[in-house]
Structures are given as structure tokens and as C-alpha cells.
């Protein structure tokens, strides 16, 4: 899952070397914290959060298929 998020986000940003994803495993939910360069935050979030919501939808679909639950948090 972490590789999938990294692949999607690196395709969106101008500085892919600044992409950092931290995985936090909980009892029921796995949380992925995404950090990108300050200049690239807008590209990851998108207009009215559409890009971020699309990424979250993909993550939700993949995690549900695996029988798990995952969430994405974008850290500024």
C-alpha cells in the first residue's frame, strides 16, 4: 500500500525526492502520513481537495479488498 501511495504522489509533484510516507499500524486502522515539499502541497491536495479525495478513494478500495482499513493524512 505504501508503494502505491508513493507511486501516485511522485507522479503528481515537481520534487519527488521530498515525498515521505510514514506507516502507523493500529489495531483496526493503518494510517499513512504523507509529507511533500511545501511547494507541492497544492498539487497533492488539488482544487477543493479533489486529488486528495481521489487518492483516499483508491487507498480505501485497495485496503477493503485486502480485508483491512487504511487512511491517508497529508501533513504540512
C-alpha atoms as a PDB file:
ATOM      1  CA  UNK A   1       0.000   0.000   0.000  1.00  0.00           C
ATOM      2  CA  UNK A   2       2.839   2.349   0.862  1.00  0.00           C
ATOM      3  CA  UNK A   3       4.386   1.745  -2.560  1.00  0.00           C
ATOM      4  CA  UNK A   4       1.078   2.524  -4.276  1.00  0.00           C
ATOM      5  CA  UNK A   5       0.736   5.861  -2.465  1.00  0.00           C
ATOM      6  CA  UNK A   6       4.346   6.727  -3.218  1.00  0.00           C
ATOM      7  CA  UNK A   7       3.903   5.898  -6.917  1.00  0.00           C
ATOM      8  CA  UNK A   8       0.787   8.070  -7.253  1.00  0.00           C
ATOM      9  CA  UNK A   9       2.165  11.050  -5.333  1.00  0.00           C
ATOM     10  CA  UNK A  10       5.573  11.058  -7.041  1.00  0.00           C
ATOM     11  CA  UNK A  11       3.797  11.306 -10.391  1.00  0.00           C
ATOM     12  CA  UNK A  12       1.984  14.450  -9.197  1.00  0.00           C
ATOM     13  CA  UNK A  13       4.743  16.508  -7.588  1.00  0.00           C
ATOM     14  CA  UNK A  14       7.649  18.501  -9.030  1.00  0.00           C
ATOM     15  CA  UNK A  15      10.161  17.283  -6.411  1.00  0.00           C
ATOM     16  CA  UNK A  16       9.681  13.511  -5.947  1.00  0.00           C
ATOM     17  CA  UNK A  17      12.726  13.237  -3.671  1.00  0.00           C
ATOM     18  CA  UNK A  18      10.832  15.144  -0.953  1.00  0.00           C
ATOM     19  CA  UNK A  19       7.993  12.595  -0.771  1.00  0.00           C
ATOM     20  CA  UNK A  20       7.986  10.795   2.586  1.00  0.00           C
ATOM     21  CA  UNK A  21       5.366   8.331   3.784  1.00  0.00           C
ATOM     22  CA  UNK A  22       5.153   7.077   7.354  1.00  0.00           C
ATOM     23  CA  UNK A  23       3.077   3.989   8.108  1.00  0.00           C
ATOM     24  CA  UNK A  24       1.395   3.766  11.530  1.00  0.00           C
ATOM     25  CA  UNK A  25      -0.209   0.401  12.268  1.00  0.00           C
ATOM     26  CA  UNK A  26      -3.101   0.381  14.701  1.00  0.00           C
ATOM     27  CA  UNK A  27      -5.455  -2.339  15.875  1.00  0.00           C
ATOM     28  CA  UNK A  28      -8.113  -1.712  13.249  1.00  0.00           C
ATOM     29  CA  UNK A  29      -6.713   1.017  11.005  1.00  0.00           C
ATOM     30  CA  UNK A  30      -3.412   1.670   9.266  1.00  0.00           C
ATOM     31  CA  UNK A  31      -2.670   5.379   8.921  1.00  0.00           C
ATOM     32  CA  UNK A  32      -0.341   6.672   6.227  1.00  0.00           C
ATOM     33  CA  UNK A  33       1.162  10.109   6.867  1.00  0.00           C
ATOM     34  CA  UNK A  34       2.247  11.847   3.678  1.00  0.00           C
ATOM     35  CA  UNK A  35       4.813  14.644   3.637  1.00  0.00           C
ATOM     36  CA  UNK A  36       5.804  16.531   0.481  1.00  0.00           C
ATOM     37  CA  UNK A  37       7.711  19.729  -0.278  1.00  0.00           C
ATOM     38  CA  UNK A  38       5.873  22.897   0.731  1.00  0.00           C
ATOM     39  CA  UNK A  39       5.558  23.965  -2.920  1.00  0.00           C
ATOM     40  CA  UNK A  40       3.923  20.658  -3.856  1.00  0.00           C
ATOM     41  CA  UNK A  41       1.185  20.562  -1.195  1.00  0.00           C
ATOM     42  CA  UNK A  42      -1.330  22.214  -3.518  1.00  0.00           C
ATOM     43  CA  UNK A  43      -0.697  19.654  -6.225  1.00  0.00           C
ATOM     44  CA  UNK A  44      -1.341  16.768  -3.862  1.00  0.00           C
ATOM     45  CA  UNK A  45      -4.491  18.310  -2.375  1.00  0.00           C
ATOM     46  CA  UNK A  46      -5.897  19.680  -5.650  1.00  0.00           C
ATOM     47  CA  UNK A  47      -8.770  22.072  -6.193  1.00  0.00           C
ATOM     48  CA  UNK A  48     -11.268  21.718  -3.354  1.00  0.00           C
ATOM     49  CA  UNK A  49      -9.415  18.580  -2.236  1.00  0.00           C
ATOM     50  CA  UNK A  50     -10.392  16.543  -5.269  1.00  0.00           C
ATOM     51  CA  UNK A  51      -6.958  14.998  -5.847  1.00  0.00           C
ATOM     52  CA  UNK A  52      -6.555  14.087  -2.170  1.00  0.00           C
ATOM     53  CA  UNK A  53     -10.045  12.569  -2.089  1.00  0.00           C
ATOM     54  CA  UNK A  54      -9.286  10.550  -5.215  1.00  0.00           C
ATOM     55  CA  UNK A  55      -6.108   9.150  -3.650  1.00  0.00           C
ATOM     56  CA  UNK A  56      -8.068   8.328  -0.474  1.00  0.00           C
ATOM     57  CA  UNK A  57     -10.734   6.539  -2.537  1.00  0.00           C
ATOM     58  CA  UNK A  58      -8.102   4.371  -4.232  1.00  0.00           C
ATOM     59  CA  UNK A  59      -6.488   3.540  -0.875  1.00  0.00           C
ATOM     60  CA  UNK A  60      -9.853   2.679   0.631  1.00  0.00           C
ATOM     61  CA  UNK A  61     -10.756   0.387  -2.266  1.00  0.00           C
ATOM     62  CA  UNK A  62      -7.434  -1.472  -2.169  1.00  0.00           C
ATOM     63  CA  UNK A  63      -7.440  -1.854   1.614  1.00  0.00           C
ATOM     64  CA  UNK A  64     -11.047  -3.099   1.632  1.00  0.00           C
ATOM     65  CA  UNK A  65     -10.159  -5.706  -0.961  1.00  0.00           C
ATOM     66  CA  UNK A  66      -7.337  -6.857   1.329  1.00  0.00           C
ATOM     67  CA  UNK A  67      -9.728  -7.017   4.291  1.00  0.00           C
ATOM     68  CA  UNK A  68      -8.113  -4.097   6.079  1.00  0.00           C
ATOM     69  CA  UNK A  69      -8.796  -0.413   6.668  1.00  0.00           C
ATOM     70  CA  UNK A  70      -6.408   2.419   5.748  1.00  0.00           C
ATOM     71  CA  UNK A  71      -6.458   6.203   5.946  1.00  0.00           C
ATOM     72  CA  UNK A  72      -4.275   8.905   4.392  1.00  0.00           C
ATOM     73  CA  UNK A  73      -3.253  12.056   6.245  1.00  0.00           C
ATOM     74  CA  UNK A  74      -1.433  14.835   4.430  1.00  0.00           C
ATOM     75  CA  UNK A  75       0.990  16.587   6.792  1.00  0.00           C
ATOM     76  CA  UNK A  76       2.041  20.151   6.042  1.00  0.00           C
END
